[in-house]
Protein backbone atom coordinates (compact mmCIF):
# COMPACT_ATOMS: atom_id res chain seq x y z
CA UNK A 1 65.28 -18.17 33.48
CA UNK A 2 65.62 -18.50 37.06
CA UNK A 3 66.05 -15.01 38.37
CA UNK A 4 63.02 -14.10 36.23
CA UNK A 5 60.38 -16.00 38.27
CA UNK A 6 60.68 -13.94 41.15
CA UNK A 7 60.39 -11.05 39.27
CA UNK A 8 57.02 -12.08 37.12
CA UNK A 9 55.67 -14.01 40.88
CA UNK A 10 56.32 -10.44 42.32
CA UNK A 11 53.99 -8.77 39.54
CA UNK A 12 51.35 -11.21 39.60
CA UNK A 13 51.62 -11.05 43.13
CA UNK A 14 50.73 -7.42 43.33
CA UNK A 15 47.98 -7.80 40.13
CA UNK A 16 46.17 -10.36 42.19
CA UNK A 17 46.51 -7.60 45.19
CA UNK A 18 45.35 -4.62 43.37
CA UNK A 19 42.38 -6.71 41.83
CA UNK A 20 40.86 -8.16 45.37
CA UNK A 21 41.18 -4.23 45.57
CA UNK A 22 38.62 -3.02 42.87
CA UNK A 23 36.60 -6.42 42.84
CA UNK A 24 36.15 -5.45 46.62
CA UNK A 25 35.26 -1.78 45.92
CA UNK A 26 33.37 -2.36 43.43
CA UNK A 27 30.19 -4.55 44.85
CA UNK A 28 30.55 -2.12 47.75
CA UNK A 29 29.23 0.47 44.71
CA UNK A 30 27.06 -1.71 43.27
CA UNK A 31 25.69 -2.41 47.16
CA UNK A 32 25.69 1.20 47.74
CA UNK A 33 23.85 2.02 44.84
CA UNK A 34 21.51 -0.42 45.07
CA UNK A 35 20.42 0.24 48.92
CA UNK A 36 20.01 4.15 47.58
CA UNK A 37 17.17 3.93 45.05
CA UNK A 38 13.80 5.30 46.37
CA UNK A 39 11.81 3.10 47.56
CA UNK A 40 8.91 2.76 45.26
CA UNK A 41 7.14 0.75 43.65
CA UNK A 42 8.68 -1.99 41.75
CA UNK A 43 7.50 -4.48 39.36
CA UNK A 44 7.60 -7.95 39.67
CA UNK A 45 8.74 -11.51 37.17
CA UNK A 46 6.37 -14.75 38.46
CA UNK A 47 7.43 -17.88 35.56
CA UNK A 48 4.93 -19.65 35.17
CA UNK A 49 6.98 -22.88 33.20
CA UNK A 50 6.10 -24.28 36.73
CA UNK A 51 1.56 -25.20 36.22
CA UNK A 52 2.54 -25.75 32.51
CA UNK A 53 0.79 -28.22 31.34
CA UNK A 54 0.26 -30.28 28.45
CA UNK A 55 -2.19 -33.20 26.87
CA UNK A 56 -1.30 -36.79 26.38
CA UNK A 57 -3.59 -40.00 26.67
CA UNK A 58 -6.40 -37.90 27.09
CA UNK A 59 -5.39 -36.39 30.10
CA UNK A 60 -3.58 -32.71 31.66
CA UNK A 61 -0.07 -33.43 32.74
CA UNK A 62 2.50 -31.67 34.28
CA UNK A 63 4.75 -29.56 31.45
CA UNK A 64 8.32 -31.65 32.82
CA UNK A 65 10.08 -30.15 29.74
CA UNK A 66 8.18 -32.92 27.49
CA UNK A 67 8.21 -32.37 24.26
CA UNK A 68 5.00 -30.14 22.77
CA UNK A 69 3.45 -28.30 20.82
CA UNK A 70 0.61 -26.37 22.57
CA UNK A 71 0.71 -25.72 26.43
CA UNK A 72 -2.19 -24.73 29.11
CA UNK A 73 -2.59 -23.38 32.51
CA UNK A 74 -5.10 -21.44 34.40
CA UNK A 75 -4.81 -17.62 34.93
CA UNK A 76 -4.99 -15.87 38.33
CA UNK A 77 -7.24 -13.28 38.10
CA UNK A 78 -7.15 -12.42 41.72
CA UNK A 79 -4.56 -10.25 40.89
CA UNK A 80 -5.91 -7.26 39.70
CA UNK A 81 -3.89 -4.85 37.54
CA UNK A 82 -1.44 -7.76 36.56
CA UNK A 83 0.46 -8.24 32.85
CA UNK A 84 0.31 -11.58 31.29
CA UNK A 85 3.51 -11.87 29.32
CA UNK A 86 5.25 -14.35 26.52
CA UNK A 87 7.40 -14.03 24.29
CA UNK A 88 8.66 -16.42 22.20
CA UNK A 89 11.13 -16.68 18.96
CA UNK A 90 8.62 -18.55 17.26
CA UNK A 91 5.11 -18.01 16.49
CA UNK A 92 2.59 -19.14 18.18
CA UNK A 93 -1.03 -18.56 18.89
CA UNK A 94 -2.66 -17.52 22.53
CA UNK A 95 -6.12 -18.88 23.72
CA UNK A 96 -8.05 -18.29 26.50
CA UNK A 97 -11.18 -20.23 27.35
CA UNK A 98 -11.13 -21.47 23.45
CA UNK A 99 -10.60 -18.53 21.29
CA UNK A 100 -7.85 -16.83 19.63
CA UNK A 101 -6.35 -13.99 21.39
CA UNK A 102 -3.28 -13.38 19.68
CA UNK A 103 -1.09 -14.97 17.26
CA UNK A 104 2.66 -13.42 16.32
CA UNK A 105 5.86 -14.02 16.60
CA UNK A 106 7.74 -11.42 19.85
CA UNK A 107 6.38 -10.39 23.32
CA UNK A 108 2.92 -10.36 24.15
CA UNK A 109 1.96 -8.35 27.14
CA UNK A 110 -2.25 -8.91 28.30
CA UNK A 111 -3.90 -7.03 30.44
CA UNK A 112 -5.37 -9.53 33.36
CA UNK A 113 -8.63 -6.53 33.88
CA UNK A 114 -9.35 -6.74 29.79
CA UNK A 115 -9.57 -11.04 29.76
CA UNK A 116 -12.12 -10.25 32.65
CA UNK A 117 -13.80 -8.30 30.43
CA UNK A 118 -13.51 -10.48 27.94
CA UNK A 119 -14.14 -14.15 29.21
CA UNK A 120 -16.11 -15.49 32.32
CA UNK A 121 -13.17 -16.95 34.97
CA UNK A 122 -11.81 -19.31 35.78
CA UNK A 123 -9.45 -18.36 32.12
CA UNK A 124 -7.63 -21.28 30.71
CA UNK A 125 -5.01 -19.74 28.77
CA UNK A 126 -3.60 -21.83 25.79
CA UNK A 127 -0.20 -21.58 23.71
CA UNK A 128 0.45 -23.37 20.25
CA UNK A 129 3.48 -23.34 18.36
CA UNK A 130 4.36 -25.58 15.32
CA UNK A 131 7.80 -24.82 16.24
CA UNK A 132 7.52 -26.58 19.59
CA UNK A 133 7.65 -24.90 23.27
CA UNK A 134 10.75 -25.17 25.11
CA UNK A 135 11.30 -21.36 23.13
CA UNK A 136 7.85 -19.74 25.11
CA UNK A 137 8.65 -17.56 28.21
CA UNK A 138 5.15 -16.60 30.12
CA UNK A 139 5.76 -15.07 32.94
CA UNK A 140 2.55 -12.72 35.69
CA UNK A 141 4.06 -9.20 36.16
CA UNK A 142 2.66 -7.66 39.46
CA UNK A 143 4.14 -4.34 41.69
CA UNK A 144 4.87 -4.46 45.18
CA UNK A 145 6.82 -2.63 47.26
CA UNK A 146 10.32 -2.32 47.29
CA UNK A 147 10.76 -3.79 50.93
CA UNK A 148 9.05 -6.14 49.71
CA UNK A 149 11.25 -7.45 47.30
CA UNK A 150 14.07 -7.36 49.59
CA UNK A 151 12.45 -10.51 51.22
CA UNK A 152 11.71 -12.09 46.98
CA UNK A 153 15.79 -10.78 46.17
CA UNK A 154 17.15 -13.06 49.53
CA UNK A 155 15.09 -16.41 48.47
CA UNK A 156 16.19 -16.62 45.07
CA UNK A 157 19.64 -14.83 45.33
CA UNK A 158 20.48 -18.64 45.25
CA UNK A 159 21.93 -17.88 41.88
CA UNK A 160 24.02 -15.08 41.74
CA UNK A 161 26.29 -16.30 44.60
CA UNK A 162 26.31 -19.74 42.86
CA UNK A 163 27.96 -17.58 40.34
CA UNK A 164 30.47 -15.49 43.11
CA UNK A 165 31.72 -18.83 43.91
CA UNK A 166 32.36 -20.03 41.08
CA UNK A 167 33.98 -17.33 39.79
CA UNK A 168 36.21 -17.24 42.42
CA UNK A 169 37.07 -20.84 41.78
CA UNK A 170 38.18 -20.09 37.86
CA UNK A 171 40.00 -17.13 39.02
CA UNK A 172 41.79 -19.67 42.00
CA UNK A 173 42.34 -22.00 39.76
CA UNK A 174 44.35 -19.49 37.17
CA UNK A 175 46.19 -18.45 39.75
CA UNK A 176 47.64 -21.47 40.17
CA UNK A 177 48.38 -21.85 36.22
CA UNK A 178 50.46 -18.93 36.32
CA UNK A 179 52.51 -19.33 39.18
CA UNK A 180 53.19 -22.98 38.30
CA UNK A 181 53.09 -22.39 34.94
CA UNK A 182 53.25 -18.58 33.50
CA UNK A 183 54.76 -19.33 30.10
CA UNK A 184 52.26 -22.45 28.87
CA UNK A 185 49.28 -20.04 30.46
CA UNK A 186 50.15 -17.50 28.00
CA UNK A 187 50.48 -19.36 24.81
CA UNK A 188 47.41 -20.32 25.15
CA UNK A 189 46.23 -16.70 26.21
CA UNK A 190 48.24 -15.24 23.21
CA UNK A 191 45.67 -13.64 20.85
CA UNK A 192 48.80 -12.78 17.89
CA UNK A 193 49.38 -15.94 17.80
CA UNK A 194 45.69 -16.92 17.07
CA UNK A 195 45.63 -15.12 14.08
CA UNK A 196 48.82 -16.36 13.04
CA UNK A 197 49.86 -18.06 10.13
CA UNK A 198 53.80 -18.79 10.88
CA UNK A 199 53.53 -20.97 13.58
CA UNK A 200 57.43 -22.01 13.44
CA UNK A 201 57.82 -19.95 17.82
CA UNK A 202 55.21 -21.75 18.50
CA UNK A 203 55.48 -23.54 23.10
CA UNK A 204 56.83 -26.51 22.97
CA UNK A 205 54.15 -27.63 25.76
CA UNK A 206 52.21 -27.51 22.11
CA UNK A 207 53.27 -30.84 21.18
CA UNK A 208 52.17 -32.33 24.18
CA UNK A 209 48.48 -31.64 24.43
CA UNK A 210 47.88 -35.25 25.51
CA UNK A 211 50.31 -33.74 28.78
CA UNK A 212 49.14 -33.69 32.71
CA UNK A 213 48.74 -29.59 33.37
CA UNK A 214 47.50 -29.47 29.07
CA UNK A 215 44.41 -31.78 30.53
CA UNK A 216 43.90 -29.40 33.39
CA UNK A 217 43.82 -26.00 31.59
CA UNK A 218 41.22 -28.35 29.60
CA UNK A 219 39.39 -29.09 32.29
CA UNK A 220 39.60 -25.47 32.98
CA UNK A 221 38.55 -24.74 29.64
CA UNK A 222 35.43 -26.99 31.02
CA UNK A 223 34.61 -25.17 34.15
CA UNK A 224 34.52 -21.83 32.46
CA UNK A 225 32.23 -22.75 29.70
CA UNK A 226 30.31 -24.17 31.29
CA UNK A 227 29.87 -21.05 33.67
CA UNK A 228 29.23 -18.37 30.94
CA UNK A 229 26.73 -21.57 29.00
CA UNK A 230 24.72 -21.48 32.24
CA UNK A 231 23.96 -17.67 32.83
CA UNK A 232 23.43 -17.50 29.26
CA UNK A 233 20.69 -19.98 29.83
CA UNK A 234 19.26 -18.70 33.03
CA UNK A 235 19.07 -14.65 32.04
CA UNK A 236 18.61 -15.36 28.57
CA UNK A 237 14.68 -17.12 29.80
CA UNK A 238 15.02 -20.59 28.51
CA UNK A 239 15.31 -19.99 24.77
CA UNK A 240 17.13 -23.04 24.37
CA UNK A 241 16.77 -26.79 23.81
CA UNK A 242 19.99 -27.47 26.26
CA UNK A 243 18.69 -24.97 28.27
CA UNK A 244 15.26 -26.80 29.87
CA UNK A 245 18.24 -30.00 30.35
CA UNK A 246 19.95 -27.86 33.06
CA UNK A 247 17.02 -26.42 35.95
CA UNK A 248 18.68 -24.37 39.16
CA UNK A 249 16.45 -23.86 42.42
CA UNK A 250 19.63 -23.66 44.97
CA UNK A 251 22.78 -23.06 45.39
CA UNK A 252 23.71 -26.52 45.62
CA UNK A 253 21.76 -27.25 42.29
CA UNK A 254 23.33 -25.16 40.39
CA UNK A 255 26.90 -26.40 41.72
CA UNK A 256 25.63 -29.49 40.51
CA UNK A 257 24.95 -28.55 37.28
CA UNK A 258 27.42 -26.90 36.40
CA UNK A 259 29.23 -29.91 36.88
CA UNK A 260 27.67 -32.20 35.69
CA UNK A 261 27.20 -29.32 31.74
CA UNK A 262 31.83 -29.22 32.86
CA UNK A 263 31.80 -32.83 32.90
CA UNK A 264 29.93 -33.25 29.10
CA UNK A 265 32.07 -30.23 27.67
CA UNK A 266 35.05 -31.80 29.01
CA UNK A 267 33.89 -35.58 27.85
CA UNK A 268 33.61 -34.23 24.69
CA UNK A 269 37.11 -32.41 24.32
CA UNK A 270 38.82 -35.77 24.16
CA UNK A 271 35.96 -36.66 22.05
CA UNK A 272 37.52 -34.27 20.21
CA UNK A 273 41.06 -34.89 20.26
CA UNK A 274 40.22 -38.79 19.99
CA UNK A 275 38.56 -38.45 16.51
CA UNK A 276 41.44 -36.17 14.95
CA UNK A 277 43.69 -38.52 15.70
CA UNK A 278 41.56 -41.00 13.89
CA UNK A 279 41.05 -37.95 10.84
CA UNK A 280 45.29 -37.35 10.44
CA UNK A 281 46.34 -40.94 10.02
CA UNK A 282 43.13 -41.40 8.03
CA UNK A 283 43.76 -38.38 5.40
CA UNK A 284 47.91 -38.78 6.04
CA UNK A 285 48.64 -35.57 8.00
CA UNK A 286 51.43 -36.00 9.98
CA UNK A 287 51.37 -33.60 13.02
CA UNK A 288 48.81 -32.00 13.23
CA UNK A 289 47.07 -32.95 15.49
CA UNK A 290 48.97 -30.84 18.69
CA UNK A 291 49.23 -27.81 16.19
CA UNK A 292 44.93 -27.96 15.27
CA UNK A 293 43.35 -28.93 18.63
CA UNK A 294 46.23 -26.86 20.74
CA UNK A 295 44.62 -23.91 18.78
CA UNK A 296 41.64 -24.83 19.18
CA UNK A 297 41.29 -25.31 22.86
CA UNK A 298 43.09 -21.34 22.32
CA UNK A 299 40.01 -20.36 21.00
CA UNK A 300 38.19 -21.78 22.74
CA UNK A 301 39.86 -19.81 25.64
CA UNK A 302 39.45 -16.30 24.08
CA UNK A 303 35.99 -17.05 23.44
CA UNK A 304 34.18 -17.52 26.45
CA UNK A 305 37.17 -14.96 27.80
CA UNK A 306 35.31 -12.55 26.19
CA UNK A 307 31.47 -13.01 26.68
CA UNK A 308 33.22 -13.48 30.21
CA UNK A 309 33.77 -9.83 29.60
CA UNK A 310 30.32 -8.83 28.62
CA UNK A 311 28.80 -10.98 31.45
CA UNK A 312 30.44 -8.27 33.62
CA UNK A 313 29.57 -5.58 31.58
CA UNK A 314 25.76 -6.70 31.70
CA UNK A 315 26.21 -7.04 35.72
CA UNK A 316 27.54 -3.23 36.08
CA UNK A 317 25.00 -2.36 33.76
CA UNK A 318 22.11 -3.62 34.67
CA UNK A 319 20.92 -5.36 31.85
CA UNK A 320 18.22 -7.58 32.35
CA UNK A 321 16.90 -8.40 28.38
CA UNK A 322 16.94 -11.68 27.78
CA UNK A 323 17.51 -11.03 24.04
CA UNK A 324 20.81 -9.79 25.30
CA UNK A 325 21.76 -12.89 27.21
CA UNK A 326 20.28 -14.64 24.25
CA UNK A 327 22.39 -12.91 21.70
CA UNK A 328 25.80 -14.26 23.29
CA UNK A 329 25.10 -17.91 22.50
CA UNK A 330 25.40 -16.40 19.03
CA UNK A 331 28.50 -14.20 19.46
CA UNK A 332 30.23 -17.42 20.57
CA UNK A 333 28.80 -20.01 18.17
CA UNK A 334 29.84 -17.13 15.09
CA UNK A 335 32.93 -17.09 17.19
CA UNK A 336 33.90 -21.32 16.96
CA UNK A 337 33.23 -20.71 12.67
CA UNK A 338 35.35 -17.90 12.89
CA UNK A 339 37.80 -20.23 14.25
CA UNK A 340 36.57 -22.62 11.79
CA UNK A 341 38.29 -20.59 9.22
CA UNK A 342 40.79 -19.18 11.59
CA UNK A 343 42.07 -23.14 11.68
CA UNK A 344 41.56 -23.53 8.16
CA UNK A 345 43.54 -20.69 6.59
CA UNK A 346 46.29 -22.51 9.49
CA UNK A 347 46.51 -26.29 7.85
CA UNK A 348 46.61 -24.39 4.33
CA UNK A 349 49.57 -23.21 5.28
CA UNK A 350 51.76 -25.58 6.43
CA UNK A 351 49.68 -28.88 4.47
CA UNK A 352 50.76 -29.14 0.36
CA UNK A 353 47.46 -31.28 0.00
CA UNK A 354 45.38 -30.37 -2.14
CA UNK A 355 42.22 -28.04 -2.01
CA UNK A 356 38.86 -30.52 -2.10
CA UNK A 357 41.36 -33.17 0.02
CA UNK A 358 42.17 -29.88 3.42
CA UNK A 359 38.28 -29.31 2.52
CA UNK A 360 37.23 -32.69 3.58
CA UNK A 361 39.29 -33.48 6.33
CA UNK A 362 38.13 -30.05 7.77
CA UNK A 363 34.76 -30.71 7.33
CA UNK A 364 35.07 -34.26 8.68
CA UNK A 365 36.88 -32.53 11.86
CA UNK A 366 35.54 -28.87 12.67
CA UNK A 367 32.42 -27.88 10.08
CA UNK A 368 30.36 -31.16 10.93
CA UNK A 369 30.45 -31.35 14.51
CA UNK A 370 30.40 -28.03 14.95
CA UNK A 371 27.06 -27.92 13.39
CA UNK A 372 26.07 -30.92 15.31
CA UNK A 373 26.63 -28.58 18.48
CA UNK A 374 24.70 -25.92 17.04
CA UNK A 375 22.19 -28.80 16.23
CA UNK A 376 21.40 -29.38 19.63
CA UNK A 377 22.16 -26.65 21.23
CA UNK A 378 19.60 -24.62 19.53
CA UNK A 379 17.24 -26.90 18.58
């Protein structure tokens, strides 16, 4: 075993060196392509959320992520040929100067010039939805020269900076895990074992779920999942209730929000571990806590890795549609549902209990917590 370690260390070192060169080449090509674009007019989207108002206590107040079914805002009529864009996954109604203009589900694009021809300025807009306003997106679209757009990109590139910093930190942590404990790291990323119902070849580390090494991997998974969620929340356009609780306007603020969300996820992991320990004692299951929780963390890591790979593909092909990133959250939820079914069949092959007894345990340990999590995440 000792003689094999230098061999794997050498392979890992060469792999890291190759990844570094590929990464540098990739960003170099992106830089060349972005600077090779012709100088023309580029569409800029300005989010109107900061100027949203709500009506409470017989007066208009700033929105500040308060629960409401209607939002109000003044439309800037000085921007000629500008477009007002509203997007929602629920039905909504748009009123301008107390008159109904549009009522639909999806997206609406209206020219400011057309509104000025139909209404007398100033234009006061109201958007109403029975499902609440947290899912609404409102933008003003205008066109500016690309040379001016570069200044806007530099001032708004904090999220890209945060993503690069967070990714490098996660890569460094993964490299440390690989160098110090490659067997356990590979065990967590083993897809075959995830779908295998025969777990007699599992690593001995699965029996030590509360060890320091495993706790560090849980923490790593928390930061990894939090980063993917923040990316999806940001680029999906605040389509989810939880995304409004993690707003950011600078790199430092993004790092703080990442830390907060990671801490919450890590705490949920620990609560799940405690909850499984209590349930196994109540239902009379022996030696299932380590097995079940290890497979749960394995499923989380593999699911987040798959979502991260899709994010890289979106970035490479410059996909900016919010619907694509919104789909990532649904894919992640679908993987969690599939993981619950896998854990059920694994338990079925291991435990000699009756179907209803096992299903009751699965509802308490997996299904109900997952439904609560999806309710919080989406609504």
